[in-house]
Amino acid sequence: MRYLLIPILLMLVATSCNKGGYISLKDAERGMFLERSRKVSTNTFFDRRMESELESQLSKDWYIVNEDLDYVYFGQLMKQNGFTMINPFYRVDRVKLDSLFPGYRSIEGKHIKARVFQSFIKPVIENHLISKCPQSYNTQFSKRQYKLTKDGIAASIKLQGKCYEKRVMRADINLLLDPENLEVLEEKTSIK
């Protein structure tokens, strides 16, 4: 019996010292165990938020779970034993985040992608592809890149359109969006 207790005690000690572990959502919202978060850059925060999709799934989107004067805490949520847990759990410098990405609370990847598609990609497809291929067309993206820069959110899209397997057009769309409200600061579109 005594030999059975030793491995159990060692396992309890090892799991209680897990500083990089996950915590419950309720604890994070209350400001408890925030030191367990791992510090990441502003660009990492932006890249994770870009992973959100229009069809949200609890385990795929990245959520802001707490903020204090120094940091913004975020992570992915997962259900475990009836509790909502945060895993992985990160923090990012709040001052840097506010200066580079002031709209971070309300702007997620799904908002940026929808704005770019509705305002720029869809009109290119409608005006330069559907008019030439009214019955059947195919669109392929060779590049969809979104970066947070000191000037704003840079979006670079490359696509080509085909009619019946024959390439009809190629488009390069380069945008700079305001990181606070997604207004267009710069636009350059070339269609061949």
C-alpha atoms as a PDB file:
ATOM      1  CA  MET A   1       0.000   0.000   0.000  1.00  0.00           C
ATOM      2  CA  ARG A   2       2.826   2.349   0.886  1.00  0.00           C
ATOM      3  CA  TYR A   3       4.474   1.745  -2.517  1.00  0.00           C
ATOM      4  CA  LEU A   4       1.243   2.694  -4.237  1.00  0.00           C
ATOM      5  CA  LEU A   5       1.020   6.066  -2.466  1.00  0.00           C
ATOM      6  CA  ILE A   6       4.478   7.254  -3.541  1.00  0.00           C
ATOM      7  CA  PRO A   7       3.709   7.421  -7.314  1.00  0.00           C
ATOM      8  CA  ILE A   8       0.381   9.084  -6.592  1.00  0.00           C
ATOM      9  CA  LEU A   9       2.029  11.725  -4.400  1.00  0.00           C
ATOM     10  CA  LEU A  10       4.740  12.348  -7.013  1.00  0.00           C
ATOM     11  CA  MET A  11       2.094  12.804  -9.697  1.00  0.00           C
ATOM     12  CA  LEU A  12       0.149  15.292  -7.533  1.00  0.00           C
ATOM     13  CA  VAL A  13       3.295  17.318  -6.829  1.00  0.00           C
ATOM     14  CA  ALA A  14       4.260  17.350 -10.521  1.00  0.00           C
ATOM     15  CA  THR A  15       0.837  18.515 -11.684  1.00  0.00           C
ATOM     16  CA  SER A  16       0.520  21.185  -8.981  1.00  0.00           C
ATOM     17  CA  CYS A  17       3.849  22.742 -10.096  1.00  0.00           C
ATOM     18  CA  ASN A  18       2.775  23.033 -13.717  1.00  0.00           C
ATOM     19  CA  LYS A  19       3.347  26.739 -14.401  1.00  0.00           C
ATOM     20  CA  GLY A  20       2.707  26.470 -18.144  1.00  0.00           C
ATOM     21  CA  GLY A  21      -0.538  24.607 -17.656  1.00  0.00           C
ATOM     22  CA  TYR A  22      -4.029  25.639 -18.356  1.00  0.00           C
ATOM     23  CA  ILE A  23      -6.526  27.244 -16.013  1.00  0.00           C
ATOM     24  CA  SER A  24     -10.273  27.470 -15.819  1.00  0.00           C
ATOM     25  CA  LEU A  25     -12.038  30.320 -17.581  1.00  0.00           C
ATOM     26  CA  LYS A  26     -13.673  31.402 -14.316  1.00  0.00           C
ATOM     27  CA  ASP A  27     -10.291  31.676 -12.607  1.00  0.00           C
ATOM     28  CA  ALA A  28      -8.888  33.766 -15.467  1.00  0.00           C
ATOM     29  CA  GLU A  29     -11.926  36.064 -15.454  1.00  0.00           C
ATOM     30  CA  ARG A  30     -11.423  36.564 -11.695  1.00  0.00           C
ATOM     31  CA  GLY A  31      -7.743  37.373 -12.205  1.00  0.00           C
ATOM     32  CA  MET A  32      -6.458  34.211 -10.558  1.00  0.00           C
ATOM     33  CA  PHE A  33      -3.402  32.213 -11.746  1.00  0.00           C
ATOM     34  CA  LEU A  34      -2.659  34.696 -14.543  1.00  0.00           C
ATOM     35  CA  GLU A  35       1.071  34.090 -13.991  1.00  0.00           C
ATOM     36  CA  ARG A  36       0.588  30.695 -15.659  1.00  0.00           C
ATOM     37  CA  SER A  37       0.186  32.422 -19.018  1.00  0.00           C
ATOM     38  CA  ARG A  38       3.079  32.481 -21.442  1.00  0.00           C
ATOM     39  CA  LYS A  39       4.208  35.893 -22.743  1.00  0.00           C
ATOM     40  CA  VAL A  40       4.025  36.328 -26.530  1.00  0.00           C
ATOM     41  CA  SER A  41       4.537  39.165 -29.011  1.00  0.00           C
ATOM     42  CA  THR A  42       1.897  41.480 -30.438  1.00  0.00           C
ATOM     43  CA  ASN A  43       2.283  39.780 -33.825  1.00  0.00           C
ATOM     44  CA  THR A  44       1.626  36.385 -32.244  1.00  0.00           C
ATOM     45  CA  PHE A  45      -1.565  37.786 -30.699  1.00  0.00           C
ATOM     46  CA  PHE A  46      -2.632  39.130 -34.106  1.00  0.00           C
ATOM     47  CA  ASP A  47      -1.804  35.850 -35.873  1.00  0.00           C
ATOM     48  CA  ARG A  48      -3.866  33.853 -33.361  1.00  0.00           C
ATOM     49  CA  ARG A  49      -6.833  36.213 -33.674  1.00  0.00           C
ATOM     50  CA  MET A  50      -6.604  35.837 -37.483  1.00  0.00           C
ATOM     51  CA  GLU A  51      -7.358  32.129 -37.053  1.00  0.00           C
ATOM     52  CA  SER A  52     -11.000  32.858 -36.190  1.00  0.00           C
ATOM     53  CA  GLU A  53     -13.533  31.891 -38.833  1.00  0.00           C
ATOM     54  CA  LEU A  54     -17.107  32.947 -39.601  1.00  0.00           C
ATOM     55  CA  GLU A  55     -18.347  29.551 -38.412  1.00  0.00           C
ATOM     56  CA  SER A  56     -16.897  29.807 -34.913  1.00  0.00           C
ATOM     57  CA  GLN A  57     -16.004  26.758 -32.912  1.00  0.00           C
ATOM     58  CA  LEU A  58     -15.277  26.986 -29.198  1.00  0.00           C
ATOM     59  CA  SER A  59     -12.000  25.093 -29.475  1.00  0.00           C
ATOM     60  CA  LYS A  60     -10.649  26.935 -32.547  1.00  0.00           C
ATOM     61  CA  ASP A  61     -11.198  30.635 -31.847  1.00  0.00           C
ATOM     62  CA  TRP A  62      -8.955  32.703 -29.574  1.00  0.00           C
ATOM     63  CA  TYR A  63     -10.645  34.604 -26.754  1.00  0.00           C
ATOM     64  CA  ILE A  64      -9.538  37.517 -24.601  1.00  0.00           C
ATOM     65  CA  VAL A  65     -10.223  36.287 -21.071  1.00  0.00           C
ATOM     66  CA  ASN A  66      -8.810  39.087 -18.914  1.00  0.00           C
ATOM     67  CA  GLU A  67      -6.967  42.408 -19.018  1.00  0.00           C
ATOM     68  CA  ASP A  68      -5.030  44.363 -16.452  1.00  0.00           C
ATOM     69  CA  LEU A  69      -2.842  47.469 -16.663  1.00  0.00           C
ATOM     70  CA  ASP A  70       0.120  45.508 -18.035  1.00  0.00           C
ATOM     71  CA  TYR A  71      -1.223  42.582 -20.058  1.00  0.00           C
ATOM     72  CA  VAL A  72      -4.052  41.205 -22.160  1.00  0.00           C
ATOM     73  CA  TYR A  73      -4.628  37.493 -21.453  1.00  0.00           C
ATOM     74  CA  PHE A  74      -6.000  35.220 -24.150  1.00  0.00           C
ATOM     75  CA  GLY A  75      -6.250  31.622 -25.240  1.00  0.00           C
ATOM     76  CA  GLN A  76      -8.395  28.888 -26.690  1.00  0.00           C
ATOM     77  CA  LEU A  77     -11.291  27.451 -24.724  1.00  0.00           C
ATOM     78  CA  MET A  78     -11.955  23.774 -24.233  1.00  0.00           C
ATOM     79  CA  LYS A  79     -14.461  21.772 -22.209  1.00  0.00           C
ATOM     80  CA  GLN A  80     -12.979  19.375 -19.674  1.00  0.00           C
ATOM     81  CA  ASN A  81     -14.875  17.518 -16.955  1.00  0.00           C
ATOM     82  CA  GLY A  82     -17.735  20.010 -17.073  1.00  0.00           C
ATOM     83  CA  PHE A  83     -15.445  23.058 -16.828  1.00  0.00           C
ATOM     84  CA  THR A  84     -14.383  25.535 -19.486  1.00  0.00           C
ATOM     85  CA  MET A  85     -10.588  25.620 -19.523  1.00  0.00           C
ATOM     86  CA  ILE A  86      -8.094  27.886 -21.315  1.00  0.00           C
ATOM     87  CA  ASN A  87      -5.405  25.959 -23.150  1.00  0.00           C
ATOM     88  CA  PRO A  88      -3.053  27.278 -24.454  1.00  0.00           C
ATOM     89  CA  PHE A  89      -2.963  30.377 -22.263  1.00  0.00           C
ATOM     90  CA  TYR A  90      -0.999  33.492 -23.291  1.00  0.00           C
ATOM     91  CA  ARG A  91      -0.440  37.137 -22.368  1.00  0.00           C
ATOM     92  CA  VAL A  92       0.663  40.076 -24.495  1.00  0.00           C
ATOM     93  CA  ASP A  93       1.959  43.521 -23.494  1.00  0.00           C
ATOM     94  CA  ARG A  94      -1.052  45.818 -23.362  1.00  0.00           C
ATOM     95  CA  VAL A  95       0.750  49.093 -24.183  1.00  0.00           C
ATOM     96  CA  LYS A  96       2.333  47.627 -27.332  1.00  0.00           C
ATOM     97  CA  LEU A  97      -0.963  46.043 -28.333  1.00  0.00           C
ATOM     98  CA  ASP A  98      -2.867  49.323 -27.869  1.00  0.00           C
ATOM     99  CA  SER A  99      -0.350  51.206 -30.003  1.00  0.00           C
ATOM    100  CA  LEU A 100      -0.194  48.692 -32.896  1.00  0.00           C
ATOM    101  CA  PHE A 101      -3.684  47.187 -32.833  1.00  0.00           C
ATOM    102  CA  PRO A 102      -6.114  49.502 -31.008  1.00  0.00           C
ATOM    103  CA  GLY A 103      -9.157  47.570 -32.263  1.00  0.00           C
ATOM    104  CA  TYR A 104      -7.973  44.268 -30.753  1.00  0.00           C
ATOM    105  CA  ARG A 105     -11.021  43.848 -28.520  1.00  0.00           C
ATOM    106  CA  SER A 106     -13.563  43.846 -31.341  1.00  0.00           C
ATOM    107  CA  ILE A 107     -11.611  42.902 -34.474  1.00  0.00           C
ATOM    108  CA  GLU A 108     -10.946  39.245 -35.175  1.00  0.00           C
ATOM    109  CA  GLY A 109      -9.691  37.463 -38.254  1.00  0.00           C
ATOM    110  CA  LYS A 110     -13.206  36.744 -39.437  1.00  0.00           C
ATOM    111  CA  HIS A 111     -13.949  40.485 -39.534  1.00  0.00           C
ATOM    112  CA  ILE A 112     -10.787  41.291 -41.493  1.00  0.00           C
ATOM    113  CA  LYS A 113     -11.323  38.435 -43.959  1.00  0.00           C
ATOM    114  CA  ALA A 114     -14.979  39.384 -44.486  1.00  0.00           C
ATOM    115  CA  ARG A 115     -14.084  43.051 -45.060  1.00  0.00           C
ATOM    116  CA  VAL A 116     -11.393  42.150 -47.614  1.00  0.00           C
ATOM    117  CA  PHE A 117     -13.632  39.650 -49.402  1.00  0.00           C
ATOM    118  CA  GLN A 118     -16.756  41.820 -49.594  1.00  0.00           C
ATOM    119  CA  SER A 119     -14.989  45.053 -50.540  1.00  0.00           C
ATOM    120  CA  PHE A 120     -12.209  43.811 -52.822  1.00  0.00           C
ATOM    121  CA  ILE A 121     -12.184  40.126 -53.804  1.00  0.00           C
ATOM    122  CA  LYS A 122     -15.892  39.789 -54.603  1.00  0.00           C
ATOM    123  CA  PRO A 123     -15.961  42.846 -56.925  1.00  0.00           C
ATOM    124  CA  VAL A 124     -12.885  41.555 -58.799  1.00  0.00           C
ATOM    125  CA  ILE A 125     -14.555  38.169 -59.287  1.00  0.00           C
ATOM    126  CA  GLU A 126     -17.868  39.721 -60.350  1.00  0.00           C
ATOM    127  CA  ASN A 127     -16.387  42.311 -62.716  1.00  0.00           C
ATOM    128  CA  HIS A 128     -13.522  40.367 -64.278  1.00  0.00           C
ATOM    129  CA  LEU A 129     -14.428  36.692 -64.080  1.00  0.00           C
ATOM    130  CA  ILE A 130     -18.181  36.181 -64.007  1.00  0.00           C
ATOM    131  CA  SER A 131     -18.655  38.552 -66.945  1.00  0.00           C
ATOM    132  CA  LYS A 132     -16.351  36.326 -69.028  1.00  0.00           C
ATOM    133  CA  CYS A 133     -17.584  33.015 -67.591  1.00  0.00           C
ATOM    134  CA  PRO A 134     -21.287  33.439 -66.801  1.00  0.00           C
ATOM    135  CA  GLN A 135     -22.017  29.716 -66.606  1.00  0.00           C
ATOM    136  CA  SER A 136     -19.050  28.165 -64.859  1.00  0.00           C
ATOM    137  CA  TYR A 137     -15.912  29.510 -63.258  1.00  0.00           C
ATOM    138  CA  ASN A 138     -13.333  28.535 -60.676  1.00  0.00           C
ATOM    139  CA  THR A 139     -11.298  30.736 -58.351  1.00  0.00           C
ATOM    140  CA  GLN A 140      -8.004  29.654 -56.818  1.00  0.00           C
ATOM    141  CA  PHE A 141      -6.032  31.559 -54.194  1.00  0.00           C
ATOM    142  CA  SER A 142      -2.265  31.228 -54.295  1.00  0.00           C
ATOM    143  CA  LYS A 143      -1.751  33.682 -51.424  1.00  0.00           C
ATOM    144  CA  ARG A 144      -3.855  35.077 -48.589  1.00  0.00           C
ATOM    145  CA  GLN A 145      -1.629  36.828 -46.092  1.00  0.00           C
ATOM    146  CA  TYR A 146      -2.493  39.221 -43.281  1.00  0.00           C
ATOM    147  CA  LYS A 147       0.171  40.954 -41.179  1.00  0.00           C
ATOM    148  CA  LEU A 148       0.142  43.494 -38.413  1.00  0.00           C
ATOM    149  CA  THR A 149       2.647  46.248 -39.206  1.00  0.00           C
ATOM    150  CA  LYS A 150       3.486  49.580 -37.601  1.00  0.00           C
ATOM    151  CA  ASP A 151       1.405  51.236 -40.358  1.00  0.00           C
ATOM    152  CA  GLY A 152      -1.700  49.041 -40.044  1.00  0.00           C
ATOM    153  CA  ILE A 153      -3.018  45.656 -41.116  1.00  0.00           C
ATOM    154  CA  ALA A 154      -1.428  44.635 -44.416  1.00  0.00           C
ATOM    155  CA  ALA A 155      -3.430  42.236 -46.575  1.00  0.00           C
ATOM    156  CA  SER A 156      -1.949  40.580 -49.649  1.00  0.00           C
ATOM    157  CA  ILE A 157      -4.172  38.392 -51.834  1.00  0.00           C
ATOM    158  CA  LYS A 158      -3.256  36.621 -55.072  1.00  0.00           C
ATOM    159  CA  LEU A 159      -5.903  34.755 -57.002  1.00  0.00           C
ATOM    160  CA  GLN A 160      -6.620  33.458 -60.444  1.00  0.00           C
ATOM    161  CA  GLY A 161      -9.893  32.768 -62.162  1.00  0.00           C
ATOM    162  CA  LYS A 162     -10.599  30.097 -64.731  1.00  0.00           C
ATOM    163  CA  CYS A 163     -13.309  29.313 -67.254  1.00  0.00           C
ATOM    164  CA  TYR A 164     -13.533  25.650 -68.130  1.00  0.00           C
ATOM    165  CA  GLU A 165      -9.981  25.024 -66.831  1.00  0.00           C
ATOM    166  CA  LYS A 166      -8.510  27.869 -68.904  1.00  0.00           C
ATOM    167  CA  ARG A 167      -7.046  30.799 -66.968  1.00  0.00           C
ATOM    168  CA  VAL A 168      -8.927  33.985 -67.707  1.00  0.00           C
ATOM    169  CA  MET A 169      -7.524  36.401 -65.152  1.00  0.00           C
ATOM    170  CA  ARG A 170      -5.001  36.858 -62.382  1.00  0.00           C
ATOM    171  CA  ALA A 171      -5.402  39.441 -59.630  1.00  0.00           C
ATOM    172  CA  ASP A 172      -3.038  40.819 -56.994  1.00  0.00           C
ATOM    173  CA  ILE A 173      -4.748  42.767 -54.223  1.00  0.00           C
ATOM    174  CA  ASN A 174      -2.633  44.642 -51.674  1.00  0.00           C
ATOM    175  CA  LEU A 175      -4.307  46.608 -48.915  1.00  0.00           C
ATOM    176  CA  LEU A 176      -3.459  48.509 -45.781  1.00  0.00           C
ATOM    177  CA  LEU A 177      -6.312  48.658 -43.266  1.00  0.00           C
ATOM    178  CA  ASP A 178      -6.668  50.853 -40.207  1.00  0.00           C
ATOM    179  CA  PRO A 179      -6.089  48.608 -37.139  1.00  0.00           C
ATOM    180  CA  GLU A 180      -8.773  50.441 -35.182  1.00  0.00           C
ATOM    181  CA  ASN A 181     -11.765  50.352 -37.540  1.00  0.00           C
ATOM    182  CA  LEU A 182     -10.693  48.465 -40.733  1.00  0.00           C
ATOM    183  CA  GLU A 183     -11.001  51.549 -42.940  1.00  0.00           C
ATOM    184  CA  VAL A 184      -8.856  51.341 -46.071  1.00  0.00           C
ATOM    185  CA  LEU A 185      -5.670  53.382 -45.801  1.00  0.00           C
ATOM    186  CA  GLU A 186      -4.072  52.178 -49.054  1.00  0.00           C
ATOM    187  CA  GLU A 187      -5.189  49.962 -51.942  1.00  0.00           C
ATOM    188  CA  LYS A 188      -3.360  48.596 -54.935  1.00  0.00           C
ATOM    189  CA  THR A 189      -5.081  46.071 -57.202  1.00  0.00           C
ATOM    190  CA  SER A 190      -3.642  44.759 -60.449  1.00  0.00           C
ATOM    191  CA  ILE A 191      -5.604  42.491 -62.775  1.00  0.00           C
ATOM    192  CA  LYS A 192      -4.059  40.680 -65.731  1.00  0.00           C
END
